[in-house]
C-alpha atoms as a PDB file:
ATOM      1  CA  UNK A   1       0.000   0.000   0.000  1.00  0.00           C
ATOM      2  CA  UNK A   2       1.252   3.462  -0.905  1.00  0.00           C
ATOM      3  CA  UNK A   3       0.613   6.484   1.242  1.00  0.00           C
ATOM      4  CA  UNK A   4       1.266  10.135   0.427  1.00  0.00           C
ATOM      5  CA  UNK A   5       1.106  12.352   3.492  1.00  0.00           C
ATOM      6  CA  UNK A   6       0.751  16.058   2.886  1.00  0.00           C
ATOM      7  CA  UNK A   7       1.252  18.943   5.287  1.00  0.00           C
ATOM      8  CA  UNK A   8       1.245  22.712   5.155  1.00  0.00           C
ATOM      9  CA  UNK A   9      -1.127  25.056   3.422  1.00  0.00           C
ATOM     10  CA  UNK A  10      -3.783  26.970   5.345  1.00  0.00           C
ATOM     11  CA  UNK A  11      -4.959  30.574   5.300  1.00  0.00           C
ATOM     12  CA  UNK A  12      -2.912  33.563   4.176  1.00  0.00           C
ATOM     13  CA  UNK A  13      -3.534  37.085   2.955  1.00  0.00           C
ATOM     14  CA  UNK A  14      -2.958  37.975  -0.665  1.00  0.00           C
ATOM     15  CA  UNK A  15       0.724  38.534  -1.325  1.00  0.00           C
ATOM     16  CA  UNK A  16       1.748  36.103   1.386  1.00  0.00           C
ATOM     17  CA  UNK A  17       3.480  32.738   1.234  1.00  0.00           C
ATOM     18  CA  UNK A  18       2.699  29.163   2.126  1.00  0.00           C
ATOM     19  CA  UNK A  19       4.582  25.900   1.822  1.00  0.00           C
ATOM     20  CA  UNK A  20       3.286  22.417   1.118  1.00  0.00           C
ATOM     21  CA  UNK A  21       5.166  19.215   1.886  1.00  0.00           C
ATOM     22  CA  UNK A  22       4.550  15.661   0.735  1.00  0.00           C
ATOM     23  CA  UNK A  23       6.125  12.401   1.899  1.00  0.00           C
ATOM     24  CA  UNK A  24       5.575   9.065   0.178  1.00  0.00           C
ATOM     25  CA  UNK A  25       5.800   5.736   1.952  1.00  0.00           C
ATOM     26  CA  UNK A  26       4.862   2.110   1.441  1.00  0.00           C
ATOM     27  CA  UNK A  27       5.192   0.001  -1.668  1.00  0.00           C
ATOM     28  CA  UNK A  28       6.467   2.697  -3.949  1.00  0.00           C
ATOM     29  CA  UNK A  29       9.900   2.583  -5.486  1.00  0.00           C
ATOM     30  CA  UNK A  30      11.854   4.158  -8.305  1.00  0.00           C
ATOM     31  CA  UNK A  31       9.740   7.300  -8.213  1.00  0.00           C
ATOM     32  CA  UNK A  32      10.395   9.152 -11.441  1.00  0.00           C
ATOM     33  CA  UNK A  33       8.173  12.166 -10.894  1.00  0.00           C
ATOM     34  CA  UNK A  34       6.335  14.021  -8.160  1.00  0.00           C
ATOM     35  CA  UNK A  35       3.956  16.882  -8.523  1.00  0.00           C
ATOM     36  CA  UNK A  36       1.349  19.152  -7.056  1.00  0.00           C
ATOM     37  CA  UNK A  37      -2.070  19.418  -8.614  1.00  0.00           C
ATOM     38  CA  UNK A  38      -4.795  21.797  -7.620  1.00  0.00           C
ATOM     39  CA  UNK A  39      -8.519  22.177  -7.940  1.00  0.00           C
ATOM     40  CA  UNK A  40      -9.482  25.827  -7.847  1.00  0.00           C
ATOM     41  CA  UNK A  41     -12.620  27.875  -8.556  1.00  0.00           C
ATOM     42  CA  UNK A  42     -14.762  24.872  -9.466  1.00  0.00           C
ATOM     43  CA  UNK A  43     -12.354  23.837 -12.203  1.00  0.00           C
ATOM     44  CA  UNK A  44     -11.105  20.335 -12.849  1.00  0.00           C
ATOM     45  CA  UNK A  45      -7.947  19.224 -11.095  1.00  0.00           C
ATOM     46  CA  UNK A  46      -4.932  20.585 -12.955  1.00  0.00           C
ATOM     47  CA  UNK A  47      -1.188  20.412 -12.687  1.00  0.00           C
ATOM     48  CA  UNK A  48       0.389  23.265 -10.738  1.00  0.00           C
ATOM     49  CA  UNK A  49       3.987  22.053 -10.747  1.00  0.00           C
ATOM     50  CA  UNK A  50       5.982  18.854 -11.222  1.00  0.00           C
ATOM     51  CA  UNK A  51       9.545  17.657 -10.841  1.00  0.00           C
ATOM     52  CA  UNK A  52      11.233  14.572 -12.259  1.00  0.00           C
ATOM     53  CA  UNK A  53      14.113  12.512 -10.937  1.00  0.00           C
ATOM     54  CA  UNK A  54      16.600  14.430 -13.100  1.00  0.00           C
ATOM     55  CA  UNK A  55      15.526  17.737 -11.577  1.00  0.00           C
ATOM     56  CA  UNK A  56      13.425  18.854 -14.511  1.00  0.00           C
ATOM     57  CA  UNK A  57      10.468  21.015 -13.518  1.00  0.00           C
ATOM     58  CA  UNK A  58       7.231  22.115 -15.125  1.00  0.00           C
ATOM     59  CA  UNK A  59       4.862  24.846 -14.000  1.00  0.00           C
ATOM     60  CA  UNK A  60       1.384  25.895 -14.976  1.00  0.00           C
ATOM     61  CA  UNK A  61       1.385  29.298 -16.580  1.00  0.00           C
ATOM     62  CA  UNK A  62      -0.746  30.701 -13.760  1.00  0.00           C
ATOM     63  CA  UNK A  63       1.870  29.920 -11.103  1.00  0.00           C
ATOM     64  CA  UNK A  64       5.132  30.305 -13.005  1.00  0.00           C
ATOM     65  CA  UNK A  65       7.454  32.734 -11.266  1.00  0.00           C
ATOM     66  CA  UNK A  66       5.532  32.535  -7.984  1.00  0.00           C
ATOM     67  CA  UNK A  67       5.643  28.835  -7.070  1.00  0.00           C
ATOM     68  CA  UNK A  68       8.754  26.690  -6.687  1.00  0.00           C
ATOM     69  CA  UNK A  69       8.728  22.899  -6.549  1.00  0.00           C
ATOM     70  CA  UNK A  70      11.556  20.884  -5.059  1.00  0.00           C
ATOM     71  CA  UNK A  71      12.031  17.240  -4.253  1.00  0.00           C
ATOM     72  CA  UNK A  72      14.296  14.669  -2.695  1.00  0.00           C
ATOM     73  CA  UNK A  73      13.651  11.402  -4.494  1.00  0.00           C
ATOM     74  CA  UNK A  74      15.884   9.413  -2.162  1.00  0.00           C
ATOM     75  CA  UNK A  75      13.674  10.510   0.728  1.00  0.00           C
ATOM     76  CA  UNK A  76      10.505  10.357  -1.410  1.00  0.00           C
ATOM     77  CA  UNK A  77       9.558  13.908  -0.500  1.00  0.00           C
ATOM     78  CA  UNK A  78       8.406  16.929  -2.464  1.00  0.00           C
ATOM     79  CA  UNK A  79       7.732  20.527  -1.533  1.00  0.00           C
ATOM     80  CA  UNK A  80       5.869  23.419  -3.056  1.00  0.00           C
ATOM     81  CA  UNK A  81       6.854  26.927  -2.006  1.00  0.00           C
ATOM     82  CA  UNK A  82       4.073  29.325  -2.913  1.00  0.00           C
ATOM     83  CA  UNK A  83       4.878  33.045  -2.907  1.00  0.00           C
ATOM     84  CA  UNK A  84       2.940  36.133  -3.960  1.00  0.00           C
ATOM     85  CA  UNK A  85      -0.268  34.208  -3.450  1.00  0.00           C
ATOM     86  CA  UNK A  86      -3.465  35.476  -5.035  1.00  0.00           C
ATOM     87  CA  UNK A  87      -7.118  34.854  -4.113  1.00  0.00           C
ATOM     88  CA  UNK A  88      -7.463  32.818  -7.315  1.00  0.00           C
ATOM     89  CA  UNK A  89      -4.923  30.342  -5.919  1.00  0.00           C
ATOM     90  CA  UNK A  90      -7.524  29.307  -3.350  1.00  0.00           C
ATOM     91  CA  UNK A  91      -8.385  25.647  -3.604  1.00  0.00           C
ATOM     92  CA  UNK A  92      -7.431  22.098  -2.755  1.00  0.00           C
ATOM     93  CA  UNK A  93      -3.866  21.034  -3.493  1.00  0.00           C
ATOM     94  CA  UNK A  94      -2.942  17.382  -4.077  1.00  0.00           C
ATOM     95  CA  UNK A  95       0.433  15.694  -4.077  1.00  0.00           C
ATOM     96  CA  UNK A  96       1.082  13.003  -6.683  1.00  0.00           C
ATOM     97  CA  UNK A  97       3.927  10.539  -7.123  1.00  0.00           C
ATOM     98  CA  UNK A  98       4.612   8.262 -10.087  1.00  0.00           C
ATOM     99  CA  UNK A  99       6.626   5.082 -10.294  1.00  0.00           C
ATOM    100  CA  UNK A 100       6.680   2.595 -13.178  1.00  0.00           C
ATOM    101  CA  UNK A 101       3.607   0.847 -11.786  1.00  0.00           C
ATOM    102  CA  UNK A 102       1.162   3.634 -11.074  1.00  0.00           C
ATOM    103  CA  UNK A 103       0.382   7.202 -10.077  1.00  0.00           C
ATOM    104  CA  UNK A 104      -0.516   7.805  -6.465  1.00  0.00           C
ATOM    105  CA  UNK A 105      -2.376  10.641  -4.800  1.00  0.00           C
ATOM    106  CA  UNK A 106      -2.476  12.349  -1.449  1.00  0.00           C
ATOM    107  CA  UNK A 107      -5.667  13.390   0.317  1.00  0.00           C
ATOM    108  CA  UNK A 108      -5.296  17.075  -0.436  1.00  0.00           C
ATOM    109  CA  UNK A 109      -4.569  20.237   1.529  1.00  0.00           C
ATOM    110  CA  UNK A 110      -6.674  23.364   1.544  1.00  0.00           C
ATOM    111  CA  UNK A 111      -5.064  26.651   0.579  1.00  0.00           C
ATOM    112  CA  UNK A 112      -7.110  29.796   1.157  1.00  0.00           C
ATOM    113  CA  UNK A 113      -5.911  33.234   0.084  1.00  0.00           C
ATOM    114  CA  UNK A 114      -7.910  36.182   1.380  1.00  0.00           C
ATOM    115  CA  UNK A 115      -7.989  39.738   0.089  1.00  0.00           C
END
């Protein structure tokens, strides 16, 4: 069984910062990518940022320049530093990890950005 445990997030005023952390455990090995997805403003879940095991990163256009993803694949952890947050970043954020067998999901963390 694979478990992704997320922490961080919460409530912040616009312009502030939050950090999300994710740790994978269980029957998951040879992780080749980890990422953060988000569901905001009634939209479908979408990729916010991802990182692969060679350090390559991808960002959604809406968060590029404000969010930074990092990861330690040996420790099976990933982080999302979110700066200059905007009210439209409000939503549920989900960690994901991929190995050759499957893609696994965390339970989600709420991020709320107030005016």
